[in-house]
N, C-alpha and C. Protein backbone atom coordinates (compact mmCIF):
# COMPACT_ATOMS: atom_id res chain seq x y z
N MET A 1 88.95 -45.44 235.62
CA MET A 1 89.44 -46.49 236.48
C MET A 1 90.64 -47.21 235.86
N GLY A 2 90.92 -46.93 234.61
CA GLY A 2 92.04 -47.61 233.95
C GLY A 2 93.40 -47.18 234.47
N GLY A 3 93.50 -45.98 234.99
CA GLY A 3 94.77 -45.51 235.51
C GLY A 3 95.65 -44.91 234.44
N PRO A 4 96.89 -44.57 234.78
CA PRO A 4 97.75 -43.85 233.84
C PRO A 4 98.27 -44.69 232.68
N ASN A 5 98.20 -46.03 232.79
CA ASN A 5 98.81 -46.87 231.75
C ASN A 5 97.83 -47.74 230.98
N ARG A 6 96.55 -47.51 231.14
CA ARG A 6 95.56 -48.27 230.36
C ARG A 6 94.30 -47.45 230.16
N ASN A 7 93.47 -47.90 229.23
CA ASN A 7 92.22 -47.20 228.93
C ASN A 7 91.21 -47.35 230.06
N HIS A 8 90.21 -46.45 230.06
CA HIS A 8 89.12 -46.62 231.02
C HIS A 8 88.34 -47.87 230.64
N TYR A 9 87.47 -48.32 231.51
CA TYR A 9 86.70 -49.54 231.27
C TYR A 9 85.35 -49.23 230.65
N ASN A 10 84.71 -50.27 230.10
CA ASN A 10 83.32 -50.18 229.65
C ASN A 10 82.41 -50.13 230.88
N HIS A 11 81.25 -49.59 230.70
CA HIS A 11 80.20 -49.55 231.73
C HIS A 11 80.63 -48.86 233.01
N GLU A 12 81.39 -47.81 232.90
CA GLU A 12 81.73 -47.04 234.10
C GLU A 12 80.63 -46.01 234.32
N ASP A 13 80.30 -45.79 235.56
CA ASP A 13 79.28 -44.81 235.93
C ASP A 13 79.56 -44.43 237.38
N TYR A 14 80.31 -43.38 237.59
CA TYR A 14 80.67 -43.02 238.95
C TYR A 14 80.73 -41.51 239.14
N ILE A 15 80.70 -41.14 240.40
CA ILE A 15 80.77 -39.73 240.79
C ILE A 15 81.91 -39.59 241.79
N PHE A 16 82.73 -38.56 241.60
CA PHE A 16 83.87 -38.31 242.48
C PHE A 16 83.90 -36.83 242.83
N THR A 17 83.99 -36.53 244.13
CA THR A 17 84.02 -35.14 244.58
C THR A 17 85.38 -34.81 245.17
N ILE A 18 85.93 -33.69 244.73
CA ILE A 18 87.18 -33.15 245.28
C ILE A 18 86.77 -31.99 246.19
N ALA A 19 87.02 -32.14 247.49
CA ALA A 19 86.58 -31.11 248.44
C ALA A 19 87.53 -31.06 249.65
N PRO A 20 88.76 -30.59 249.43
CA PRO A 20 89.67 -30.51 250.57
C PRO A 20 89.23 -29.42 251.56
N ASP A 21 89.54 -29.63 252.84
CA ASP A 21 89.19 -28.66 253.87
C ASP A 21 90.11 -27.46 253.85
N ASN A 22 89.58 -26.31 254.25
CA ASN A 22 90.35 -25.08 254.46
C ASN A 22 91.18 -24.66 253.25
N VAL A 23 90.57 -24.64 252.08
CA VAL A 23 91.27 -24.21 250.87
C VAL A 23 90.44 -23.18 250.11
N SER A 24 91.10 -22.51 249.21
CA SER A 24 90.43 -21.63 248.25
C SER A 24 91.09 -21.87 246.91
N LEU A 25 90.53 -21.28 245.88
CA LEU A 25 91.06 -21.39 244.52
C LEU A 25 91.27 -22.84 244.10
N LEU A 26 90.28 -23.70 244.35
CA LEU A 26 90.34 -25.09 243.90
C LEU A 26 90.18 -25.12 242.39
N SER A 27 91.08 -25.83 241.72
CA SER A 27 91.02 -25.90 240.26
C SER A 27 91.45 -27.27 239.77
N LEU A 28 91.04 -27.57 238.55
CA LEU A 28 91.47 -28.77 237.83
C LEU A 28 92.14 -28.31 236.54
N SER A 29 93.26 -28.91 236.23
CA SER A 29 93.96 -28.59 234.99
C SER A 29 94.15 -29.89 234.21
N PHE A 30 93.49 -29.99 233.06
CA PHE A 30 93.54 -31.20 232.26
C PHE A 30 94.71 -31.13 231.28
N SER A 31 95.57 -32.15 231.31
CA SER A 31 96.70 -32.20 230.38
C SER A 31 96.43 -33.14 229.21
N SER A 32 95.45 -34.04 229.35
CA SER A 32 95.03 -34.88 228.23
C SER A 32 93.56 -35.22 228.40
N PHE A 33 92.88 -35.47 227.28
CA PHE A 33 91.46 -35.78 227.33
C PHE A 33 91.08 -36.52 226.06
N LYS A 34 90.66 -37.78 226.20
CA LYS A 34 90.27 -38.56 225.02
C LYS A 34 89.22 -39.60 225.42
N LEU A 35 87.96 -39.33 225.00
CA LEU A 35 86.84 -40.23 225.23
C LEU A 35 86.17 -40.54 223.90
N GLU A 36 85.33 -41.57 223.87
CA GLU A 36 84.58 -41.89 222.66
C GLU A 36 83.51 -40.81 222.48
N THR A 37 83.59 -40.08 221.38
CA THR A 37 82.69 -38.96 221.11
C THR A 37 81.24 -39.39 221.14
N GLY A 38 80.45 -38.71 221.96
CA GLY A 38 79.01 -38.93 222.02
C GLY A 38 78.58 -40.13 222.85
N TYR A 39 79.49 -40.96 223.30
CA TYR A 39 79.12 -42.15 224.06
C TYR A 39 79.71 -42.18 225.47
N ASP A 40 80.89 -41.65 225.63
CA ASP A 40 81.53 -41.58 226.95
C ASP A 40 81.65 -40.11 227.31
N SER A 41 81.28 -39.76 228.54
CA SER A 41 81.22 -38.34 228.91
C SER A 41 81.69 -38.09 230.32
N LEU A 42 82.20 -36.88 230.52
CA LEU A 42 82.58 -36.37 231.84
C LEU A 42 81.81 -35.07 232.05
N TRP A 43 81.12 -34.98 233.21
CA TRP A 43 80.44 -33.76 233.60
C TRP A 43 81.13 -33.22 234.84
N ILE A 44 81.31 -31.90 234.90
CA ILE A 44 81.96 -31.26 236.04
C ILE A 44 80.98 -30.27 236.65
N TYR A 45 80.79 -30.40 237.98
CA TYR A 45 79.85 -29.57 238.72
C TYR A 45 80.61 -28.69 239.72
N ASP A 46 80.13 -27.48 239.90
CA ASP A 46 80.77 -26.50 240.78
C ASP A 46 80.20 -26.63 242.20
N GLY A 47 80.59 -27.70 242.90
CA GLY A 47 80.09 -27.90 244.25
C GLY A 47 80.26 -29.33 244.71
N TYR A 48 79.52 -29.67 245.77
CA TYR A 48 79.69 -30.94 246.48
C TYR A 48 78.96 -32.13 245.87
N ASN A 49 78.10 -31.92 244.89
CA ASN A 49 77.37 -33.05 244.29
C ASN A 49 76.84 -32.64 242.92
N THR A 50 76.09 -33.54 242.31
CA THR A 50 75.57 -33.27 240.96
C THR A 50 74.36 -32.36 240.96
N ASN A 51 73.93 -31.89 242.13
CA ASN A 51 72.89 -30.86 242.21
C ASN A 51 73.49 -29.46 242.12
N ALA A 52 74.82 -29.37 242.20
CA ALA A 52 75.52 -28.09 242.09
C ALA A 52 75.45 -27.60 240.64
N PRO A 53 75.75 -26.33 240.39
CA PRO A 53 75.73 -25.83 239.02
C PRO A 53 76.69 -26.61 238.11
N LEU A 54 76.22 -26.95 236.92
CA LEU A 54 77.03 -27.67 235.95
C LEU A 54 78.01 -26.70 235.29
N ILE A 55 79.29 -27.00 235.38
CA ILE A 55 80.30 -26.21 234.68
C ILE A 55 80.31 -26.60 233.21
N GLY A 56 80.24 -27.91 232.93
CA GLY A 56 80.21 -28.35 231.55
C GLY A 56 80.21 -29.86 231.42
N GLY A 57 79.79 -30.33 230.24
CA GLY A 57 79.83 -31.75 229.89
C GLY A 57 80.80 -31.91 228.74
N TYR A 58 81.64 -32.96 228.79
CA TYR A 58 82.73 -33.10 227.82
C TYR A 58 82.77 -34.53 227.29
N SER A 59 83.04 -34.65 225.99
CA SER A 59 83.13 -35.94 225.31
C SER A 59 84.12 -35.80 224.17
N GLY A 60 84.58 -36.90 223.64
CA GLY A 60 85.54 -36.84 222.53
C GLY A 60 86.88 -36.31 222.99
N THR A 61 87.42 -35.35 222.23
CA THR A 61 88.73 -34.78 222.59
C THR A 61 88.62 -33.30 222.97
N ALA A 62 87.39 -32.83 223.20
CA ALA A 62 87.17 -31.43 223.60
C ALA A 62 87.45 -31.32 225.10
N SER A 63 88.68 -31.08 225.46
CA SER A 63 89.13 -31.04 226.84
C SER A 63 88.51 -29.87 227.62
N PRO A 64 88.21 -30.09 228.90
CA PRO A 64 87.77 -28.97 229.73
C PRO A 64 88.88 -27.94 229.93
N GLY A 65 90.13 -28.32 229.74
CA GLY A 65 91.25 -27.40 229.92
C GLY A 65 91.46 -27.07 231.38
N TYR A 66 91.20 -25.82 231.76
CA TYR A 66 91.35 -25.36 233.13
C TYR A 66 89.97 -25.06 233.70
N VAL A 67 89.66 -25.61 234.86
CA VAL A 67 88.36 -25.42 235.49
C VAL A 67 88.60 -24.95 236.92
N GLU A 68 87.89 -23.89 237.33
CA GLU A 68 88.06 -23.36 238.67
C GLU A 68 86.73 -23.36 239.40
N ALA A 69 86.75 -23.83 240.65
CA ALA A 69 85.55 -23.86 241.48
C ALA A 69 85.27 -22.46 242.03
N SER A 70 84.00 -22.16 242.27
CA SER A 70 83.67 -20.90 242.93
C SER A 70 83.85 -21.01 244.44
N GLY A 71 83.87 -22.24 244.94
CA GLY A 71 84.09 -22.49 246.36
C GLY A 71 85.25 -23.45 246.54
N ASN A 72 85.05 -24.44 247.42
CA ASN A 72 86.14 -25.38 247.65
C ASN A 72 85.78 -26.81 247.28
N ALA A 73 84.88 -26.99 246.29
CA ALA A 73 84.51 -28.35 245.87
C ALA A 73 84.20 -28.40 244.38
N LEU A 74 84.61 -29.49 243.77
CA LEU A 74 84.25 -29.81 242.39
C LEU A 74 83.80 -31.28 242.37
N THR A 75 82.73 -31.57 241.65
CA THR A 75 82.24 -32.94 241.53
C THR A 75 82.33 -33.36 240.08
N LEU A 76 82.90 -34.56 239.84
CA LEU A 76 83.03 -35.12 238.51
C LEU A 76 82.13 -36.33 238.39
N LYS A 77 81.38 -36.41 237.30
CA LYS A 77 80.54 -37.58 237.00
C LYS A 77 81.04 -38.14 235.68
N PHE A 78 81.41 -39.42 235.68
CA PHE A 78 81.92 -40.05 234.47
C PHE A 78 81.02 -41.21 234.08
N TYR A 79 80.75 -41.32 232.78
CA TYR A 79 79.95 -42.42 232.24
C TYR A 79 80.62 -42.93 230.97
N SER A 80 80.71 -44.26 230.86
CA SER A 80 81.16 -44.87 229.60
C SER A 80 80.18 -45.97 229.22
N ASP A 81 79.93 -46.09 227.91
CA ASP A 81 78.99 -47.09 227.43
C ASP A 81 79.66 -48.47 227.42
N GLY A 82 79.09 -49.40 226.72
CA GLY A 82 79.59 -50.78 226.73
C GLY A 82 80.44 -51.15 225.53
N ALA A 83 80.94 -50.20 224.78
CA ALA A 83 81.69 -50.54 223.57
C ALA A 83 83.12 -50.02 223.62
N THR A 84 83.41 -49.01 222.86
CA THR A 84 84.77 -48.50 222.67
C THR A 84 85.31 -47.82 223.92
N VAL A 85 86.58 -48.08 224.20
CA VAL A 85 87.24 -47.39 225.31
C VAL A 85 88.40 -46.57 224.77
N ARG A 86 88.77 -45.53 225.50
CA ARG A 86 89.87 -44.64 225.11
C ARG A 86 90.78 -44.43 226.33
N SER A 87 91.74 -43.57 226.18
CA SER A 87 92.71 -43.34 227.26
C SER A 87 92.14 -42.51 228.41
N GLY A 88 90.98 -41.87 228.22
CA GLY A 88 90.36 -41.09 229.30
C GLY A 88 90.99 -39.72 229.43
N TRP A 89 91.34 -39.34 230.63
CA TRP A 89 91.91 -38.01 230.84
C TRP A 89 92.95 -38.05 231.94
N THR A 90 93.76 -37.01 231.93
CA THR A 90 94.72 -36.77 233.00
C THR A 90 94.47 -35.34 233.48
N ALA A 91 94.28 -35.21 234.78
CA ALA A 91 94.02 -33.89 235.36
C ALA A 91 94.72 -33.79 236.70
N GLU A 92 95.14 -32.60 237.02
CA GLU A 92 95.75 -32.32 238.32
C GLU A 92 94.92 -31.28 239.02
N TRP A 93 94.60 -31.52 240.28
CA TRP A 93 93.87 -30.50 241.02
C TRP A 93 94.83 -29.74 241.91
N ASN A 94 94.54 -28.46 242.04
CA ASN A 94 95.37 -27.55 242.84
C ASN A 94 94.46 -26.69 243.70
N CYS A 95 95.02 -26.18 244.77
CA CYS A 95 94.28 -25.28 245.64
C CYS A 95 95.26 -24.45 246.45
N LYS A 96 94.72 -23.46 247.13
CA LYS A 96 95.52 -22.60 247.99
C LYS A 96 94.98 -22.74 249.41
N PRO A 97 95.84 -23.06 250.38
CA PRO A 97 95.35 -23.17 251.76
C PRO A 97 94.85 -21.83 252.27
N VAL A 98 93.79 -21.87 253.05
CA VAL A 98 93.26 -20.68 253.70
C VAL A 98 93.89 -20.60 255.08
N SER A 99 94.52 -19.50 255.38
CA SER A 99 95.06 -19.34 256.73
C SER A 99 94.06 -18.55 257.54
N VAL A 100 93.67 -19.12 258.64
CA VAL A 100 92.66 -18.51 259.49
C VAL A 100 93.26 -18.34 260.88
N GLU A 101 93.16 -17.12 261.42
CA GLU A 101 93.60 -16.90 262.79
C GLU A 101 92.68 -17.67 263.73
N LYS A 102 93.25 -18.39 264.65
CA LYS A 102 92.45 -19.16 265.59
C LYS A 102 92.20 -18.40 266.89
N ASN A 103 92.59 -17.14 266.91
CA ASN A 103 92.46 -16.33 268.12
C ASN A 103 91.00 -15.92 268.32
N ASN A 104 90.40 -16.39 269.39
CA ASN A 104 89.06 -15.93 269.75
C ASN A 104 89.04 -15.63 271.24
N GLU A 105 90.04 -14.88 271.68
CA GLU A 105 90.18 -14.56 273.09
C GLU A 105 88.99 -13.77 273.62
N ASN A 106 88.35 -12.99 272.77
CA ASN A 106 87.23 -12.19 273.25
C ASN A 106 85.93 -12.97 273.30
N ASN A 107 85.93 -14.22 272.85
CA ASN A 107 84.78 -15.12 272.93
C ASN A 107 83.51 -14.52 272.35
N ILE A 108 83.64 -13.82 271.26
CA ILE A 108 82.48 -13.27 270.55
C ILE A 108 81.73 -14.44 269.92
N GLU A 109 80.45 -14.48 270.11
CA GLU A 109 79.62 -15.51 269.50
C GLU A 109 78.89 -14.91 268.31
N ILE A 110 78.73 -15.72 267.27
CA ILE A 110 78.00 -15.32 266.07
C ILE A 110 76.79 -16.23 265.96
N TYR A 111 75.62 -15.66 265.76
CA TYR A 111 74.44 -16.48 265.61
C TYR A 111 73.41 -15.76 264.74
N PRO A 112 72.54 -16.44 264.02
CA PRO A 112 72.63 -17.89 263.81
C PRO A 112 73.78 -18.22 262.86
N ASN A 113 74.23 -19.40 262.89
CA ASN A 113 75.30 -19.85 261.98
C ASN A 113 75.12 -21.35 261.78
N PRO A 114 74.62 -21.76 260.61
CA PRO A 114 74.38 -21.05 259.35
C PRO A 114 73.27 -20.01 259.45
N ALA A 115 73.36 -19.04 258.55
CA ALA A 115 72.41 -17.93 258.55
C ALA A 115 71.86 -17.69 257.14
N THR A 116 70.73 -16.96 257.08
CA THR A 116 70.13 -16.65 255.78
C THR A 116 69.98 -15.16 255.52
N ASP A 117 69.48 -14.39 256.50
CA ASP A 117 69.18 -12.98 256.28
C ASP A 117 70.09 -12.02 257.06
N PHE A 118 70.48 -12.42 258.26
CA PHE A 118 71.31 -11.55 259.10
C PHE A 118 72.11 -12.42 260.05
N ILE A 119 73.17 -11.84 260.61
CA ILE A 119 73.89 -12.47 261.71
C ILE A 119 74.03 -11.45 262.83
N LEU A 120 74.06 -11.96 264.04
CA LEU A 120 74.21 -11.12 265.22
C LEU A 120 75.50 -11.50 265.94
N LEU A 121 76.14 -10.51 266.52
CA LEU A 121 77.31 -10.74 267.35
C LEU A 121 76.89 -10.61 268.80
N SER A 122 77.53 -11.37 269.69
CA SER A 122 77.16 -11.33 271.10
C SER A 122 77.53 -10.01 271.78
N GLU A 123 78.37 -9.19 271.13
CA GLU A 123 78.63 -7.84 271.62
C GLU A 123 79.00 -6.95 270.43
N THR A 124 78.94 -5.65 270.63
CA THR A 124 79.23 -4.70 269.56
C THR A 124 80.71 -4.72 269.22
N ALA A 125 80.99 -4.83 267.94
CA ALA A 125 82.37 -4.86 267.45
C ALA A 125 82.78 -3.46 267.01
N ASN A 126 84.04 -3.11 267.27
CA ASN A 126 84.58 -1.86 266.76
C ASN A 126 84.59 -1.90 265.24
N LYS A 127 84.98 -3.07 264.72
CA LYS A 127 85.06 -3.23 263.26
C LYS A 127 84.86 -4.70 262.92
N ILE A 128 84.10 -4.93 261.85
CA ILE A 128 83.98 -6.29 261.31
C ILE A 128 84.32 -6.23 259.83
N MET A 129 84.91 -7.30 259.34
CA MET A 129 85.19 -7.45 257.92
C MET A 129 84.80 -8.86 257.53
N ILE A 130 84.07 -9.01 256.44
CA ILE A 130 83.67 -10.32 255.96
C ILE A 130 84.38 -10.58 254.64
N TYR A 131 85.01 -11.77 254.56
CA TYR A 131 85.76 -12.19 253.38
C TYR A 131 85.12 -13.43 252.78
N ASP A 132 85.14 -13.53 251.44
CA ASP A 132 84.68 -14.76 250.81
C ASP A 132 85.78 -15.82 250.93
N ILE A 133 85.49 -17.01 250.43
CA ILE A 133 86.41 -18.14 250.55
C ILE A 133 87.73 -17.89 249.83
N ARG A 134 87.75 -16.97 248.89
CA ARG A 134 88.98 -16.65 248.15
C ARG A 134 89.79 -15.55 248.81
N GLY A 135 89.27 -15.00 249.89
CA GLY A 135 90.00 -13.96 250.60
C GLY A 135 89.66 -12.55 250.15
N ASN A 136 88.62 -12.41 249.32
CA ASN A 136 88.19 -11.08 248.87
C ASN A 136 87.32 -10.42 249.95
N LEU A 137 87.59 -9.16 250.26
CA LEU A 137 86.79 -8.43 251.23
C LEU A 137 85.41 -8.15 250.62
N ILE A 138 84.36 -8.60 251.31
CA ILE A 138 82.99 -8.45 250.82
C ILE A 138 82.27 -7.31 251.53
N LEU A 139 82.54 -7.15 252.83
CA LEU A 139 81.82 -6.15 253.61
C LEU A 139 82.70 -5.68 254.77
N SER A 140 82.65 -4.39 255.06
CA SER A 140 83.36 -3.82 256.21
C SER A 140 82.40 -2.86 256.91
N LYS A 141 82.26 -3.03 258.23
CA LYS A 141 81.37 -2.16 259.02
C LYS A 141 82.05 -1.84 260.33
N GLN A 142 81.63 -0.71 260.91
CA GLN A 142 82.16 -0.30 262.20
C GLN A 142 81.04 -0.14 263.21
N ASN A 143 81.38 -0.38 264.48
CA ASN A 143 80.46 -0.19 265.60
C ASN A 143 79.10 -0.83 265.36
N THR A 144 79.10 -2.14 265.24
CA THR A 144 77.86 -2.86 264.97
C THR A 144 77.86 -4.21 265.66
N SER A 145 76.66 -4.74 265.85
CA SER A 145 76.51 -6.10 266.36
C SER A 145 75.52 -6.88 265.49
N GLU A 146 75.04 -6.25 264.41
CA GLU A 146 74.10 -6.91 263.50
C GLU A 146 74.54 -6.65 262.07
N ILE A 147 74.55 -7.70 261.25
CA ILE A 147 74.99 -7.58 259.86
C ILE A 147 73.95 -8.21 258.95
N CYS A 148 73.47 -7.44 257.99
CA CYS A 148 72.52 -7.93 256.99
C CYS A 148 73.31 -8.70 255.92
N ILE A 149 72.89 -9.94 255.66
CA ILE A 149 73.58 -10.77 254.65
C ILE A 149 72.62 -11.26 253.56
N LYS A 150 71.46 -10.60 253.44
CA LYS A 150 70.43 -11.02 252.48
C LYS A 150 70.96 -11.09 251.05
N ASN A 151 71.89 -10.20 250.68
CA ASN A 151 72.37 -10.15 249.30
C ASN A 151 73.63 -10.98 249.06
N PHE A 152 74.07 -11.73 250.08
CA PHE A 152 75.26 -12.58 249.92
C PHE A 152 74.86 -13.87 249.21
N SER A 153 75.74 -14.40 248.39
CA SER A 153 75.54 -15.71 247.77
C SER A 153 75.75 -16.79 248.83
N PRO A 154 75.04 -17.91 248.73
CA PRO A 154 75.27 -19.00 249.68
C PRO A 154 76.73 -19.45 249.61
N GLY A 155 77.30 -19.79 250.76
CA GLY A 155 78.67 -20.29 250.78
C GLY A 155 79.32 -20.09 252.13
N ILE A 156 80.63 -20.32 252.15
CA ILE A 156 81.42 -20.19 253.37
C ILE A 156 82.15 -18.85 253.32
N TYR A 157 82.09 -18.12 254.42
CA TYR A 157 82.74 -16.83 254.54
C TYR A 157 83.53 -16.79 255.85
N PHE A 158 84.44 -15.84 255.95
CA PHE A 158 85.18 -15.63 257.18
C PHE A 158 84.91 -14.22 257.66
N ILE A 159 84.65 -14.10 258.96
CA ILE A 159 84.37 -12.80 259.54
C ILE A 159 85.48 -12.47 260.53
N LYS A 160 86.08 -11.32 260.31
CA LYS A 160 87.14 -10.82 261.19
C LYS A 160 86.49 -9.78 262.09
N ILE A 161 86.56 -10.02 263.41
CA ILE A 161 85.87 -9.18 264.38
C ILE A 161 86.90 -8.51 265.29
N GLN A 162 86.82 -7.19 265.38
CA GLN A 162 87.70 -6.46 266.30
C GLN A 162 86.85 -5.85 267.40
N VAL A 163 87.17 -6.24 268.63
CA VAL A 163 86.54 -5.66 269.82
C VAL A 163 87.67 -5.15 270.70
N LYS A 164 87.70 -3.84 270.89
CA LYS A 164 88.78 -3.17 271.61
C LYS A 164 90.11 -3.52 270.93
N ASN A 165 91.04 -4.16 271.63
CA ASN A 165 92.34 -4.48 271.03
C ASN A 165 92.46 -5.95 270.66
N THR A 166 91.35 -6.67 270.64
CA THR A 166 91.37 -8.10 270.35
C THR A 166 90.70 -8.36 269.00
N VAL A 167 91.31 -9.26 268.24
CA VAL A 167 90.78 -9.62 266.92
C VAL A 167 90.55 -11.13 266.89
N SER A 168 89.41 -11.53 266.35
CA SER A 168 89.15 -12.96 266.12
C SER A 168 88.67 -13.14 264.70
N VAL A 169 88.92 -14.32 264.15
CA VAL A 169 88.42 -14.69 262.83
C VAL A 169 87.61 -15.97 262.98
N GLN A 170 86.40 -15.95 262.46
CA GLN A 170 85.54 -17.12 262.56
C GLN A 170 84.89 -17.40 261.21
N LYS A 171 84.48 -18.65 261.05
CA LYS A 171 83.82 -19.06 259.81
C LYS A 171 82.31 -18.90 259.98
N ILE A 172 81.68 -18.37 258.92
CA ILE A 172 80.22 -18.31 258.91
C ILE A 172 79.74 -18.99 257.63
N ILE A 173 78.58 -19.59 257.71
CA ILE A 173 77.98 -20.26 256.56
C ILE A 173 76.69 -19.53 256.22
N ILE A 174 76.58 -19.14 254.97
CA ILE A 174 75.38 -18.44 254.50
C ILE A 174 74.66 -19.37 253.54
N GLN A 175 73.38 -19.57 253.78
CA GLN A 175 72.58 -20.45 252.94
C GLN A 175 71.33 -19.72 252.46
N ASN A 176 70.64 -20.37 251.51
CA ASN A 176 69.41 -19.79 250.95
C ASN A 176 68.34 -19.67 251.99
């Protein structure tokens, strides 16, 4: 809370989540890091809250350096005790916008969404391709209206559906 020109304060205890919409490759790059060793700490979580997987806990001058989210959110938890204060840290977050085609002229419906074990399409697709949030192709199938997703990790995915000469891209959410 001290900002770029002063030290952090005593008795800080806050949580801050970075979660911009429609992005991939969310990262934090730390250019400075200085906390009171063992008493003031920063924890970074890979997700929307402190229940997400812990990337790491940092204190003293052991900087996190470069941190990359597996999805599109990072949560920071900072705590400082009631004594010594330091300059804290400086970090810049970066991301890459996800471009998604908004064309859904064929009005294909996907259900259920969110899904856990499988998804169904309202009609048979000539070809479907599922991409993770980073744009990596995860699955490609032809002539189907049902897709098994049991082995997918929870998260946000994009499904590209081709029916005849029409293509649509839609977001699907896979959960536990």
